[in-house]
Amino acid sequence: MSSTSEESEMQNDSGEDVDIESVVSDRDLEAATDELTFYFGCASGASKAALRRLEEPNIMISFATKNHYSWDGIESLFIDSGGFSILVSDKYDDHPSVNTYRSYLRGQDPEYYTLQDYPCEPDLLDEHDRTVDDHIQMTVDKHVECLDRIPESIGTPVPVIQGWEIDDYLDCIDRFREQGILPHPYVSVGSVKRKYDPVASRDIVKAVRKELGSDTNIHALGVKTQVFSQTDAALYIDSADSNAYDRAASRRHGTGRWEASAIEYLKMKLSIEELTNDHETQQQLSDFT
């Protein structure tokens, strides 16, 4: 990475200068782990610039954000349909048409993309006067439409298993099976970002793993890093994503510059690398005890 000294220096939480170059060189920043692929989201121009300059290979872009265009150099691009952001927005009452989503995907050339879904967070359901059952069925119906209208040549579609309690997710799996959506090689689990309950997030992905078995790759959408620091959730999933580092950048550094996002991205990448590797080691050791 090349930059001027003025560009590469920021301040940390204590107000001390931090050199991005030293952060990069201090640790090996290869892929987080051979077992779990982590995708870094980029909702702002600053985060997009940081990930591009630091050559992060695994990128998650949400269709619902303004900065939803990819760039050269991404090794694995994962597109999220942005269901939660769309449904909480004053701009939309529902997902844009499947044809609109298809046209966008064709222009981005993703490796993976989620099918359009309806998250089941309680506040979101209250706002739309719907139930978990409503959103599960709407997700199933929209998935069927997406699979019918989006050609395989665009990328690998990833169904989103929705729910709130474990039984809801298992019910969604049953409905997917009834419609021929499952079995599928890669699925994602939505509505798992529990602010104060990482154990609940772990229990959900564990239950989905038990139900689908080892032949299905599982992605956890928008997880919080506490899920990895406080639980063994990494043992039950194959990939996950977050853009929490970007939100932390302006809060901790008081600026919207890309360097702030870069620092928080590097810190998050290293943290996830350590946490997921620790759990993989624990799993390997447990095989012999």
Protein backbone atom coordinates (compact mmCIF):
# COMPACT_ATOMS: atom_id res chain seq x y z
CA MET A 1 0.00 0.00 0.00
CA SER A 2 1.32 3.46 -0.85
CA SER A 3 0.33 6.70 0.86
CA THR A 4 1.82 9.91 2.14
CA SER A 5 2.79 10.16 5.82
CA GLU A 6 0.00 12.69 6.33
CA GLU A 7 -2.56 10.27 4.87
CA SER A 8 -1.32 7.23 6.81
CA GLU A 9 -1.34 8.73 10.31
CA MET A 10 -4.45 8.80 12.46
CA GLN A 11 -5.15 8.86 16.17
CA ASN A 12 -6.14 5.92 18.31
CA ASP A 13 -8.63 5.92 21.20
CA SER A 14 -6.08 7.58 23.49
CA GLY A 15 -5.37 10.39 21.06
CA GLU A 16 -1.95 8.97 20.09
CA ASP A 17 -0.78 8.90 16.49
CA VAL A 18 -1.19 5.55 14.75
CA ASP A 19 0.65 4.73 11.52
CA ILE A 20 -1.40 2.50 9.25
CA GLU A 21 1.78 1.14 7.65
CA SER A 22 2.99 -0.20 11.02
CA VAL A 23 -0.37 -1.81 11.72
CA VAL A 24 -0.19 -3.62 8.41
CA SER A 25 3.38 -4.84 8.86
CA ASP A 26 2.99 -5.91 12.49
CA ARG A 27 0.85 -8.95 11.71
CA ASP A 28 0.25 -11.44 8.94
CA LEU A 29 -2.96 -10.33 7.24
CA GLU A 30 -3.61 -13.33 5.03
CA ALA A 31 -7.07 -14.96 4.98
CA ALA A 32 -8.56 -15.16 8.47
CA THR A 33 -8.60 -18.96 8.51
CA ASP A 34 -8.72 -21.86 6.11
CA GLU A 35 -11.97 -22.97 7.72
CA LEU A 36 -14.03 -19.76 7.93
CA THR A 37 -14.21 -17.09 5.23
CA PHE A 38 -15.01 -13.62 6.52
CA TYR A 39 -16.49 -11.00 4.22
CA PHE A 40 -16.05 -7.32 5.08
CA GLY A 41 -18.97 -5.08 4.26
CA CYS A 42 -18.57 -1.60 2.82
CA ALA A 43 -21.50 0.77 3.15
CA SER A 44 -19.57 4.04 3.04
CA GLY A 45 -17.11 5.63 0.65
CA ALA A 46 -14.44 5.56 3.36
CA SER A 47 -14.81 1.82 4.00
CA LYS A 48 -14.81 1.13 0.28
CA ALA A 49 -11.57 3.10 -0.14
CA ALA A 50 -9.97 1.33 2.84
CA LEU A 51 -10.81 -2.17 1.64
CA ARG A 52 -9.69 -1.35 -1.88
CA ARG A 53 -6.37 0.18 -0.83
CA LEU A 54 -5.62 -2.65 1.60
CA GLU A 55 -6.61 -5.23 -1.04
CA GLU A 56 -9.12 -7.16 1.07
CA PRO A 57 -10.04 -10.19 -1.07
CA ASN A 58 -13.48 -11.00 0.41
CA ILE A 59 -16.09 -8.28 0.06
CA MET A 60 -19.77 -8.10 0.98
CA ILE A 61 -21.77 -5.37 -0.75
CA SER A 62 -25.40 -4.65 0.04
CA PHE A 63 -27.73 -3.82 -2.82
CA ALA A 64 -29.54 -1.44 -0.45
CA THR A 65 -26.60 0.93 0.05
CA LYS A 66 -25.67 3.93 -2.07
CA ASN A 67 -22.09 2.70 -2.56
CA HIS A 68 -23.13 -0.66 -3.94
CA TYR A 69 -20.66 -1.03 -6.80
CA SER A 70 -17.70 -3.40 -6.88
CA TRP A 71 -14.13 -2.76 -8.06
CA ASP A 72 -11.26 -4.64 -9.70
CA GLY A 73 -9.18 -6.88 -7.45
CA ILE A 74 -11.94 -8.50 -5.40
CA GLU A 75 -11.36 -12.25 -5.25
CA SER A 76 -14.75 -13.20 -3.83
CA LEU A 77 -17.68 -10.80 -4.10
CA PHE A 78 -20.80 -11.59 -2.08
CA ILE A 79 -23.89 -9.45 -2.74
CA ASP A 80 -26.56 -9.10 -0.05
CA SER A 81 -30.07 -8.20 -1.24
CA GLY A 82 -30.33 -5.75 1.69
CA GLY A 83 -33.70 -6.88 3.00
CA PHE A 84 -33.42 -5.28 6.43
CA SER A 85 -32.17 -1.92 5.15
CA ILE A 86 -34.86 -1.81 2.48
CA LEU A 87 -37.70 -2.59 4.89
CA VAL A 88 -36.62 0.02 7.46
CA SER A 89 -36.14 2.67 4.78
CA ASP A 90 -38.69 5.42 4.18
CA LYS A 91 -37.86 5.17 0.49
CA TYR A 92 -39.17 1.62 -0.08
CA ASP A 93 -42.19 -0.37 1.06
CA ASP A 94 -40.79 -3.58 -0.38
CA HIS A 95 -37.88 -5.02 -2.34
CA PRO A 96 -37.38 -3.59 -5.82
CA SER A 97 -38.53 -6.01 -8.50
CA VAL A 98 -36.61 -9.21 -9.13
CA ASN A 99 -35.84 -7.89 -12.63
CA THR A 100 -34.23 -4.78 -11.10
CA TYR A 101 -32.16 -6.92 -8.74
CA ARG A 102 -31.17 -9.20 -11.62
CA SER A 103 -29.94 -6.25 -13.71
CA TYR A 104 -27.88 -4.97 -10.79
CA LEU A 105 -26.32 -8.39 -10.16
CA ARG A 106 -25.42 -8.79 -13.81
CA GLY A 107 -23.43 -5.55 -13.64
CA GLN A 108 -21.48 -6.63 -10.55
CA ASP A 109 -20.55 -10.21 -11.51
CA PRO A 110 -20.70 -11.65 -7.95
CA GLU A 111 -19.47 -15.06 -6.90
CA TYR A 112 -22.43 -15.33 -4.50
CA TYR A 113 -25.61 -13.36 -3.90
CA THR A 114 -28.44 -13.75 -1.43
CA LEU A 115 -31.97 -14.21 -2.69
CA GLN A 116 -34.37 -11.45 -1.67
CA ASP A 117 -35.71 -12.09 1.84
CA TYR A 118 -37.79 -10.65 4.68
CA PRO A 119 -35.95 -10.41 8.03
CA CYS A 120 -37.77 -11.24 11.25
CA GLU A 121 -36.47 -8.73 13.80
CA PRO A 122 -39.36 -7.84 16.18
CA ASP A 123 -39.14 -4.08 15.59
CA LEU A 124 -39.30 -4.61 11.84
CA LEU A 125 -42.31 -6.89 12.14
CA ASP A 126 -44.08 -4.38 14.38
CA GLU A 127 -43.44 -1.58 11.90
CA HIS A 128 -45.05 -3.56 9.09
CA ASP A 129 -47.71 -5.21 11.27
CA ARG A 130 -46.59 -8.71 10.31
CA THR A 131 -45.60 -11.93 12.07
CA VAL A 132 -42.55 -14.18 11.84
CA ASP A 133 -44.72 -16.65 9.94
CA ASP A 134 -45.65 -13.92 7.44
CA HIS A 135 -42.02 -13.04 6.74
CA ILE A 136 -40.95 -16.67 6.44
CA GLN A 137 -43.63 -17.32 3.84
CA MET A 138 -42.86 -14.07 2.01
CA THR A 139 -39.19 -15.10 1.95
CA VAL A 140 -40.09 -18.50 0.50
CA ASP A 141 -42.30 -16.94 -2.20
CA LYS A 142 -39.69 -14.35 -3.13
CA HIS A 143 -36.98 -17.01 -3.30
CA VAL A 144 -39.05 -19.04 -5.74
CA GLU A 145 -39.48 -15.94 -7.92
CA CYS A 146 -35.76 -15.09 -7.79
CA LEU A 147 -34.69 -18.61 -8.73
CA ASP A 148 -37.16 -18.58 -11.61
CA ARG A 149 -36.03 -15.23 -13.04
CA ILE A 150 -32.30 -14.92 -12.27
CA PRO A 151 -30.12 -17.13 -14.51
CA GLU A 152 -27.41 -19.37 -13.08
CA SER A 153 -24.77 -17.56 -15.16
CA ILE A 154 -24.98 -14.50 -12.87
CA GLY A 155 -23.49 -16.28 -9.85
CA THR A 156 -24.34 -18.71 -7.08
CA PRO A 157 -27.66 -17.87 -5.39
CA VAL A 158 -27.70 -18.20 -1.60
CA PRO A 159 -31.07 -18.83 0.08
CA VAL A 160 -31.64 -16.95 3.35
CA ILE A 161 -33.08 -19.05 6.16
CA GLN A 162 -35.23 -16.67 8.19
CA GLY A 163 -36.82 -16.78 11.64
CA TRP A 164 -36.38 -15.53 15.19
CA GLU A 165 -36.56 -18.57 17.47
CA ILE A 166 -34.85 -21.83 16.57
CA ASP A 167 -38.15 -23.49 15.67
CA ASP A 168 -38.83 -20.67 13.20
CA TYR A 169 -35.61 -21.41 11.33
CA LEU A 170 -36.39 -25.12 11.23
CA ASP A 171 -39.87 -24.29 9.91
CA CYS A 172 -38.31 -22.13 7.18
CA ILE A 173 -36.03 -25.02 6.23
CA ASP A 174 -39.05 -27.30 5.92
CA ARG A 175 -40.82 -24.80 3.66
CA PHE A 176 -37.70 -24.43 1.51
CA ARG A 177 -37.59 -28.20 1.11
CA GLU A 178 -41.23 -28.30 0.10
CA GLN A 179 -40.52 -25.78 -2.69
CA GLY A 180 -37.34 -27.53 -3.86
CA ILE A 181 -35.11 -24.66 -2.67
CA LEU A 182 -33.27 -27.10 -0.39
CA PRO A 183 -31.06 -29.03 -0.50
CA HIS A 184 -28.66 -26.35 -1.72
CA PRO A 185 -24.84 -26.21 -1.48
CA TYR A 186 -24.70 -22.79 0.22
CA VAL A 187 -27.26 -21.13 2.49
CA SER A 188 -27.23 -18.10 4.75
CA VAL A 189 -28.91 -17.51 8.10
CA GLY A 190 -30.61 -14.15 8.63
CA SER A 191 -31.72 -12.17 11.67
CA VAL A 192 -28.87 -13.53 13.84
CA LYS A 193 -27.36 -10.19 14.88
CA ARG A 194 -28.53 -10.24 18.51
CA LYS A 195 -27.16 -7.15 20.25
CA TYR A 196 -27.07 -8.53 23.78
CA ASP A 197 -27.27 -12.28 23.22
CA PRO A 198 -24.43 -13.83 21.20
CA VAL A 199 -25.28 -17.23 22.68
CA ALA A 200 -28.68 -17.09 20.95
CA SER A 201 -26.90 -16.42 17.65
CA ARG A 202 -24.64 -19.42 18.24
CA ASP A 203 -27.57 -21.66 19.14
CA ILE A 204 -29.37 -20.74 15.91
CA VAL A 205 -26.47 -21.50 13.56
CA LYS A 206 -25.74 -24.67 15.54
CA ALA A 207 -29.34 -25.85 15.09
CA VAL A 208 -29.23 -25.04 11.36
CA ARG A 209 -25.95 -26.94 11.03
CA LYS A 210 -27.42 -29.97 12.80
CA GLU A 211 -30.48 -29.91 10.54
CA LEU A 212 -28.65 -29.44 7.22
CA GLY A 213 -25.55 -31.50 7.90
CA SER A 214 -21.96 -31.06 6.83
CA ASP A 215 -22.62 -31.10 3.07
CA THR A 216 -24.15 -27.59 3.19
CA ASN A 217 -22.03 -24.46 3.57
CA ILE A 218 -23.55 -21.97 6.01
CA HIS A 219 -23.09 -18.19 6.01
CA ALA A 220 -24.07 -16.06 9.01
CA LEU A 221 -25.35 -12.68 7.83
CA GLY A 222 -24.17 -9.56 9.68
CA VAL A 223 -22.87 -11.24 12.83
CA LYS A 224 -21.31 -9.30 15.68
CA THR A 225 -17.72 -10.14 16.64
CA GLN A 226 -18.92 -10.96 20.17
CA VAL A 227 -20.40 -14.13 18.68
CA PHE A 228 -16.85 -15.33 18.06
CA SER A 229 -15.31 -13.95 21.26
CA GLN A 230 -18.00 -15.30 23.60
CA THR A 231 -19.14 -18.51 21.86
CA ASP A 232 -17.90 -21.31 19.60
CA ALA A 233 -20.16 -20.25 16.71
CA ALA A 234 -17.22 -20.43 14.29
CA LEU A 235 -17.38 -24.21 14.51
CA TYR A 236 -20.82 -24.32 12.89
CA ILE A 237 -20.47 -21.90 9.98
CA ASP A 238 -18.32 -21.63 6.88
CA SER A 239 -18.51 -17.88 6.34
CA ALA A 240 -19.80 -14.67 7.89
CA ASP A 241 -19.78 -10.93 7.27
CA SER A 242 -19.87 -7.62 9.11
CA ASN A 243 -19.25 -3.91 8.54
CA ALA A 244 -19.03 -3.09 12.26
CA TYR A 245 -15.50 -1.76 11.77
CA ASP A 246 -16.85 1.08 9.62
CA ARG A 247 -19.33 2.19 12.26
CA ALA A 248 -16.55 2.08 14.85
CA ALA A 249 -14.27 4.25 12.71
CA SER A 250 -16.16 7.53 12.98
CA ARG A 251 -17.09 6.86 16.61
CA ARG A 252 -13.53 6.19 17.74
CA HIS A 253 -11.62 8.57 15.48
CA GLY A 254 -14.12 11.37 14.94
CA THR A 255 -13.55 11.49 11.20
CA GLY A 256 -14.94 10.04 8.00
CA ARG A 257 -11.53 9.63 6.36
CA TRP A 258 -10.65 6.27 4.82
CA GLU A 259 -7.65 5.90 7.13
CA ALA A 260 -9.96 5.61 10.14
CA SER A 261 -11.90 2.80 8.47
CA ALA A 262 -8.61 1.15 7.52
CA ILE A 263 -7.39 1.07 11.12
CA GLU A 264 -10.64 -0.40 12.43
CA TYR A 265 -10.78 -2.90 9.56
CA LEU A 266 -7.28 -4.15 10.37
CA LYS A 267 -8.10 -4.45 14.06
CA MET A 268 -11.28 -6.37 13.29
CA LYS A 269 -9.54 -8.67 10.80
CA LEU A 270 -6.85 -9.59 13.32
CA SER A 271 -9.39 -10.11 16.08
CA ILE A 272 -11.49 -12.47 13.97
CA GLU A 273 -8.36 -14.29 12.84
CA GLU A 274 -7.37 -14.95 16.45
CA LEU A 275 -10.84 -15.86 17.69
CA THR A 276 -11.76 -18.24 14.89
CA ASN A 277 -8.36 -19.96 14.95
CA ASP A 278 -8.68 -20.43 18.72
CA HIS A 279 -12.00 -22.23 18.28
CA GLU A 280 -10.66 -24.35 15.42
CA THR A 281 -7.76 -25.41 17.67
CA GLN A 282 -10.20 -26.25 20.46
CA GLN A 283 -12.20 -28.40 18.07
CA GLN A 284 -9.11 -30.26 16.89
CA LEU A 285 -7.95 -30.91 20.45
CA SER A 286 -11.40 -32.11 21.49
CA ASP A 287 -11.21 -34.80 18.80
CA PHE A 288 -8.46 -36.49 20.80
CA THR A 289 -9.77 -36.09 24.35
